[in-house]
Amino acid sequence: MGNIDIGGPTMLRAASKNFPSVAVVVDPADYAWVGQKLSEGGLTIDDRRGLAAKAFNHVSTYDAAVTKYLLKSDSADEELPGSLTISLKKITGLRYGENPHQNGALYSESNVPMGLAGARQLHGRELSYNNLMDADAAWRTASDFADSTVSVVKHANPCGLASRNDIAEAYLAAYEGDTVSAFGGIVAFNRTVTAAAAEAMEPVFYEVVIAPDYETRALEILQKKRNLRILAIDKQPDTPAYDLRPITGGVLVQASDSIEEDPTSWTVATQRAPSDAEMKDLAFAWKAAKHIKSNAIVFAKGLAMVGMGAGQPNRVVSVHLSQRSSGIRPKGQF
């Protein structure tokens, strides 16, 4: 708290208020053109107004960061704050949004982008809005598991997911979960991509692959795929305190779903208790379902998703979809 700057923001506000007579520059990226204009005769009133707006935005971003720090709570049970101030900084423009007629851009909540917003692109064409949406879903899913895990995502839903001791085997098990839907999807690894994993991916067309790191040989193999976008993501930032969803005239806010389930606390509701292996599969399926759009049904076996139904108003239809994709014919009726 002792490092919070009081005088600096005050001077910036005062200078910005007086923009008809003062040019206030807060962004080093503006030094060159401002200096050139000064040498050529001076800044216009519109130039100074734009710089003032940028300065006020800079100060409000600083104030928002201080507010966020003071409101931070480690308890999900705490009452949500009476007001929220969110400052976003544009990282890059996108070709378009979800559809070609919509503008799109990527913003970061901090001056040092983290997570997917700060991922390094090692290969491939410009990322699209939909690429980033699906890459985020894939990375959130894979990184939610402690074991070596691979997720394959299509239209924001995991269509393949598996955990194995070996990351190449995890990829193969995830891919085999739905080889049709995987085509043109996004693949996320929560471990370094090995050469064996890259070779296993080679025959399949993917839009994006994202991982913490890549072996040199793995990168060489993947870079041969001209249309593949390769992303390296640094340490996952802390789970955001809140989830926000715009609605007409407002925003819905909830505490983020970061709870870790404890299978040992579960109550068995069937006549036969699950075996240890079945209980592990149930825990795997429960976590997988968290990342699938409701109504979400997951069939899991051997720490791999073998069937999935998502986004259906009728949950029974989701079960039918899971059964059809898995090839499993359960006993009884549903």
Foldseek 3Di string as FASTA:
>chain_A
DVPQDDVVLVVLLVQLVVLVVHADADDPVCVVVQVVQVVVPHDDSVNSNVRSVVSVLVSVLSVLVVVCVVPDDPDQPDDDDPDHDFRWAWDFWACAAPDNVHTGTDIARDPQRAFPSNWDWPAADDDHNQNSLQQVLQAVLQQLDPAWKKFWGDSQATQFIFGDNDNLVRLVLRCQLFVVRSAQTEMETAAEAELSNLVVCQVGHYQEYEYQHYDPNSCVSVNVPHRYIYIHHHDHDDDDQWDWDDDVPGIDIHGDPPDQDDLVPDDDPDPDDDDPQVSVQVSLQVSSQVSAAPVWDFDGHPRITNFIAGDDPDNVVRVVRRCVSNVDDDPDDD
